[in-house]
Amino acid sequence: MDFVIPKELEDFNRYGEEYLFGYLGMEFLKVEEDEVIARIVLQQHHFGWNGYLHAGTIFSLADSCAGYGCVRSLPEGATGFTTIETKNNFLSTVRRGSIQAIATPLHRGRSTQVWDASVSSTETRQL
């Protein structure tokens, strides 16, 4: 499978339809070199059996935003990327509505990038 680097916002949304992005219902609102914003309207499959938002849902949204930001800012000649390290802090939860992630670069080098992603409830802007 060839890795195709999307160019436009619509391409980023369409590219992910058959992958985890699409299955989780991620909608990318902005994909630029300096900021990526996406959201998920929460449904039952985003939660654990205990009724709380699954950490995997939150992490997937954050990691996907950072990944799309990385893709958008790959140096000339680069053909792909992968996550090599991650750190998460979960401070609160959401029981309904939607969540939004905003990712921004902290470092963009020739062989590594570091992105910071914050996820919050779109209703309260907290998570």
C-alpha atoms as a PDB file:
ATOM      1  CA  MET A   1       0.000   0.000   0.000  1.00  0.00           C
ATOM      2  CA  ASP A   2       1.351   3.403  -0.969  1.00  0.00           C
ATOM      3  CA  PHE A   3       1.232   6.213   1.567  1.00  0.00           C
ATOM      4  CA  VAL A   4      -0.520   9.225   0.039  1.00  0.00           C
ATOM      5  CA  ILE A   5      -0.037  12.563   1.770  1.00  0.00           C
ATOM      6  CA  PRO A   6      -3.347  14.451   1.813  1.00  0.00           C
ATOM      7  CA  LYS A   7      -3.269  18.097   0.738  1.00  0.00           C
ATOM      8  CA  GLU A   8      -6.664  19.607   1.654  1.00  0.00           C
ATOM      9  CA  LEU A   9      -8.875  19.326   4.758  1.00  0.00           C
ATOM     10  CA  GLU A  10     -11.426  17.287   2.790  1.00  0.00           C
ATOM     11  CA  ASP A  11      -8.662  14.879   1.784  1.00  0.00           C
ATOM     12  CA  PHE A  12      -7.655  14.324   5.419  1.00  0.00           C
ATOM     13  CA  ASN A  13     -11.268  13.529   6.379  1.00  0.00           C
ATOM     14  CA  ARG A  14     -11.820  11.280   3.353  1.00  0.00           C
ATOM     15  CA  TYR A  15      -8.456   9.520   3.770  1.00  0.00           C
ATOM     16  CA  GLY A  16      -9.411   8.303   7.250  1.00  0.00           C
ATOM     17  CA  GLU A  17     -12.939   7.058   6.473  1.00  0.00           C
ATOM     18  CA  GLU A  18     -11.982   3.371   6.263  1.00  0.00           C
ATOM     19  CA  TYR A  19      -9.540   3.519   9.162  1.00  0.00           C
ATOM     20  CA  LEU A  20      -9.830   4.144  12.905  1.00  0.00           C
ATOM     21  CA  PHE A  21     -10.571   7.832  12.285  1.00  0.00           C
ATOM     22  CA  GLY A  22     -13.772   6.954  10.423  1.00  0.00           C
ATOM     23  CA  TYR A  23     -14.850   4.174  12.766  1.00  0.00           C
ATOM     24  CA  LEU A  24     -14.588   6.503  15.749  1.00  0.00           C
ATOM     25  CA  GLY A  25     -16.357   9.317  13.899  1.00  0.00           C
ATOM     26  CA  MET A  26     -13.500  11.809  13.959  1.00  0.00           C
ATOM     27  CA  GLU A  27     -14.145  15.007  12.053  1.00  0.00           C
ATOM     28  CA  PHE A  28     -11.105  17.127  11.308  1.00  0.00           C
ATOM     29  CA  LEU A  29     -11.905  20.833  11.363  1.00  0.00           C
ATOM     30  CA  LYS A  30      -8.418  22.186  10.699  1.00  0.00           C
ATOM     31  CA  VAL A  31      -5.225  20.477   9.536  1.00  0.00           C
ATOM     32  CA  GLU A  32      -2.322  22.896   9.236  1.00  0.00           C
ATOM     33  CA  GLU A  33       1.395  22.763   9.995  1.00  0.00           C
ATOM     34  CA  ASP A  34       0.935  24.745  13.211  1.00  0.00           C
ATOM     35  CA  GLU A  35      -2.425  23.434  14.489  1.00  0.00           C
ATOM     36  CA  VAL A  36      -4.808  20.526  14.045  1.00  0.00           C
ATOM     37  CA  ILE A  37      -8.344  20.522  15.434  1.00  0.00           C
ATOM     38  CA  ALA A  38     -10.758  17.583  15.375  1.00  0.00           C
ATOM     39  CA  ARG A  39     -13.832  16.401  17.245  1.00  0.00           C
ATOM     40  CA  ILE A  40     -15.880  13.321  17.974  1.00  0.00           C
ATOM     41  CA  VAL A  41     -19.612  13.394  18.666  1.00  0.00           C
ATOM     42  CA  LEU A  42     -19.865  10.794  21.421  1.00  0.00           C
ATOM     43  CA  GLN A  43     -21.889   7.615  20.992  1.00  0.00           C
ATOM     44  CA  GLN A  44     -22.206   4.475  23.090  1.00  0.00           C
ATOM     45  CA  HIS A  45     -19.241   2.759  21.417  1.00  0.00           C
ATOM     46  CA  HIS A  46     -16.926   5.520  22.692  1.00  0.00           C
ATOM     47  CA  PHE A  47     -17.585   4.495  26.300  1.00  0.00           C
ATOM     48  CA  GLY A  48     -16.566   1.601  28.504  1.00  0.00           C
ATOM     49  CA  TRP A  49     -19.130  -0.789  29.952  1.00  0.00           C
ATOM     50  CA  ASN A  50     -19.040   1.300  33.163  1.00  0.00           C
ATOM     51  CA  GLY A  51     -20.568   4.310  31.364  1.00  0.00           C
ATOM     52  CA  TYR A  52     -17.417   6.443  31.363  1.00  0.00           C
ATOM     53  CA  LEU A  53     -15.634   7.714  28.278  1.00  0.00           C
ATOM     54  CA  HIS A  54     -13.024   5.163  27.237  1.00  0.00           C
ATOM     55  CA  ALA A  55      -9.455   6.433  27.523  1.00  0.00           C
ATOM     56  CA  GLY A  56      -8.754   4.872  24.130  1.00  0.00           C
ATOM     57  CA  THR A  57     -11.272   7.233  22.542  1.00  0.00           C
ATOM     58  CA  ILE A  58      -9.521  10.244  24.051  1.00  0.00           C
ATOM     59  CA  PHE A  59      -6.054   8.990  23.181  1.00  0.00           C
ATOM     60  CA  SER A  60      -7.051   8.071  19.632  1.00  0.00           C
ATOM     61  CA  LEU A  61      -8.358  11.570  18.981  1.00  0.00           C
ATOM     62  CA  ALA A  62      -5.269  13.250  20.470  1.00  0.00           C
ATOM     63  CA  ASP A  63      -2.806  10.941  18.690  1.00  0.00           C
ATOM     64  CA  SER A  64      -4.641  11.315  15.384  1.00  0.00           C
ATOM     65  CA  CYS A  65      -4.467  15.102  15.574  1.00  0.00           C
ATOM     66  CA  ALA A  66      -0.750  14.993  16.320  1.00  0.00           C
ATOM     67  CA  GLY A  67      -0.259  12.464  13.533  1.00  0.00           C
ATOM     68  CA  TYR A  68      -2.123  14.527  10.962  1.00  0.00           C
ATOM     69  CA  GLY A  69      -0.107  17.568  12.024  1.00  0.00           C
ATOM     70  CA  CYS A  70       3.057  15.579  11.525  1.00  0.00           C
ATOM     71  CA  VAL A  71       1.913  14.462   8.085  1.00  0.00           C
ATOM     72  CA  ARG A  72       1.007  18.023   7.137  1.00  0.00           C
ATOM     73  CA  SER A  73       4.477  19.239   8.081  1.00  0.00           C
ATOM     74  CA  LEU A  74       6.685  16.395   6.831  1.00  0.00           C
ATOM     75  CA  PRO A  75       9.977  17.610   5.366  1.00  0.00           C
ATOM     76  CA  GLU A  76      10.490  17.389   1.596  1.00  0.00           C
ATOM     77  CA  GLY A  77      11.098  13.804   0.512  1.00  0.00           C
ATOM     78  CA  ALA A  78       9.623  12.186   3.643  1.00  0.00           C
ATOM     79  CA  THR A  79       7.318   9.253   2.976  1.00  0.00           C
ATOM     80  CA  GLY A  80       5.637   8.597   6.312  1.00  0.00           C
ATOM     81  CA  PHE A  81       5.769   8.644  10.073  1.00  0.00           C
ATOM     82  CA  THR A  82       4.860   6.670  13.184  1.00  0.00           C
ATOM     83  CA  THR A  83       4.252   7.477  16.847  1.00  0.00           C
ATOM     84  CA  ILE A  84       7.346   6.523  18.849  1.00  0.00           C
ATOM     85  CA  GLU A  85       6.382   7.764  22.309  1.00  0.00           C
ATOM     86  CA  THR A  86       3.328   9.098  24.087  1.00  0.00           C
ATOM     87  CA  LYS A  87       2.370  10.379  27.529  1.00  0.00           C
ATOM     88  CA  ASN A  88      -1.190  10.861  28.718  1.00  0.00           C
ATOM     89  CA  ASN A  89      -2.825  12.502  31.698  1.00  0.00           C
ATOM     90  CA  PHE A  90      -6.553  12.021  32.195  1.00  0.00           C
ATOM     91  CA  LEU A  91      -7.930  14.626  34.572  1.00  0.00           C
ATOM     92  CA  SER A  92     -11.680  14.317  34.107  1.00  0.00           C
ATOM     93  CA  THR A  93     -14.304  12.601  31.964  1.00  0.00           C
ATOM     94  CA  VAL A  94     -17.263  13.386  29.754  1.00  0.00           C
ATOM     95  CA  ARG A  95     -20.519  11.409  29.810  1.00  0.00           C
ATOM     96  CA  ARG A  96     -22.265  12.918  26.749  1.00  0.00           C
ATOM     97  CA  GLY A  97     -21.929  15.468  23.961  1.00  0.00           C
ATOM     98  CA  SER A  98     -18.694  15.754  22.038  1.00  0.00           C
ATOM     99  CA  ILE A  99     -14.971  16.107  22.589  1.00  0.00           C
ATOM    100  CA  GLN A 100     -12.447  18.187  20.694  1.00  0.00           C
ATOM    101  CA  ALA A 101      -8.682  17.928  20.397  1.00  0.00           C
ATOM    102  CA  ILE A 102      -6.260  20.693  19.540  1.00  0.00           C
ATOM    103  CA  ALA A 103      -2.701  19.673  18.655  1.00  0.00           C
ATOM    104  CA  THR A 104       0.250  22.025  18.222  1.00  0.00           C
ATOM    105  CA  PRO A 105       3.910  21.312  17.487  1.00  0.00           C
ATOM    106  CA  LEU A 106       6.544  21.747  20.161  1.00  0.00           C
ATOM    107  CA  HIS A 107       9.428  20.597  17.932  1.00  0.00           C
ATOM    108  CA  ARG A 108       9.635  19.884  14.191  1.00  0.00           C
ATOM    109  CA  GLY A 109      12.980  18.397  13.258  1.00  0.00           C
ATOM    110  CA  ARG A 110      14.166  16.555  10.173  1.00  0.00           C
ATOM    111  CA  SER A 111      13.680  13.111  11.721  1.00  0.00           C
ATOM    112  CA  THR A 112      11.440  13.662  14.762  1.00  0.00           C
ATOM    113  CA  GLN A 113       8.535  15.853  15.746  1.00  0.00           C
ATOM    114  CA  VAL A 114       6.978  16.480  19.157  1.00  0.00           C
ATOM    115  CA  TRP A 115       3.331  17.496  19.338  1.00  0.00           C
ATOM    116  CA  ASP A 116       1.183  18.534  22.291  1.00  0.00           C
ATOM    117  CA  ALA A 117      -2.519  17.645  22.133  1.00  0.00           C
ATOM    118  CA  SER A 118      -5.220  18.760  24.525  1.00  0.00           C
ATOM    119  CA  VAL A 119      -8.664  17.138  24.550  1.00  0.00           C
ATOM    120  CA  SER A 120     -11.701  18.792  26.102  1.00  0.00           C
ATOM    121  CA  SER A 121     -15.468  18.636  26.132  1.00  0.00           C
ATOM    122  CA  THR A 122     -16.902  20.941  23.494  1.00  0.00           C
ATOM    123  CA  GLU A 123     -19.667  21.894  25.942  1.00  0.00           C
ATOM    124  CA  THR A 124     -17.531  22.819  28.927  1.00  0.00           C
ATOM    125  CA  ARG A 125     -14.064  23.034  27.338  1.00  0.00           C
ATOM    126  CA  GLN A 126     -12.852  20.703  30.084  1.00  0.00           C
ATOM    127  CA  LEU A 127     -11.831  17.088  30.236  1.00  0.00           C
END
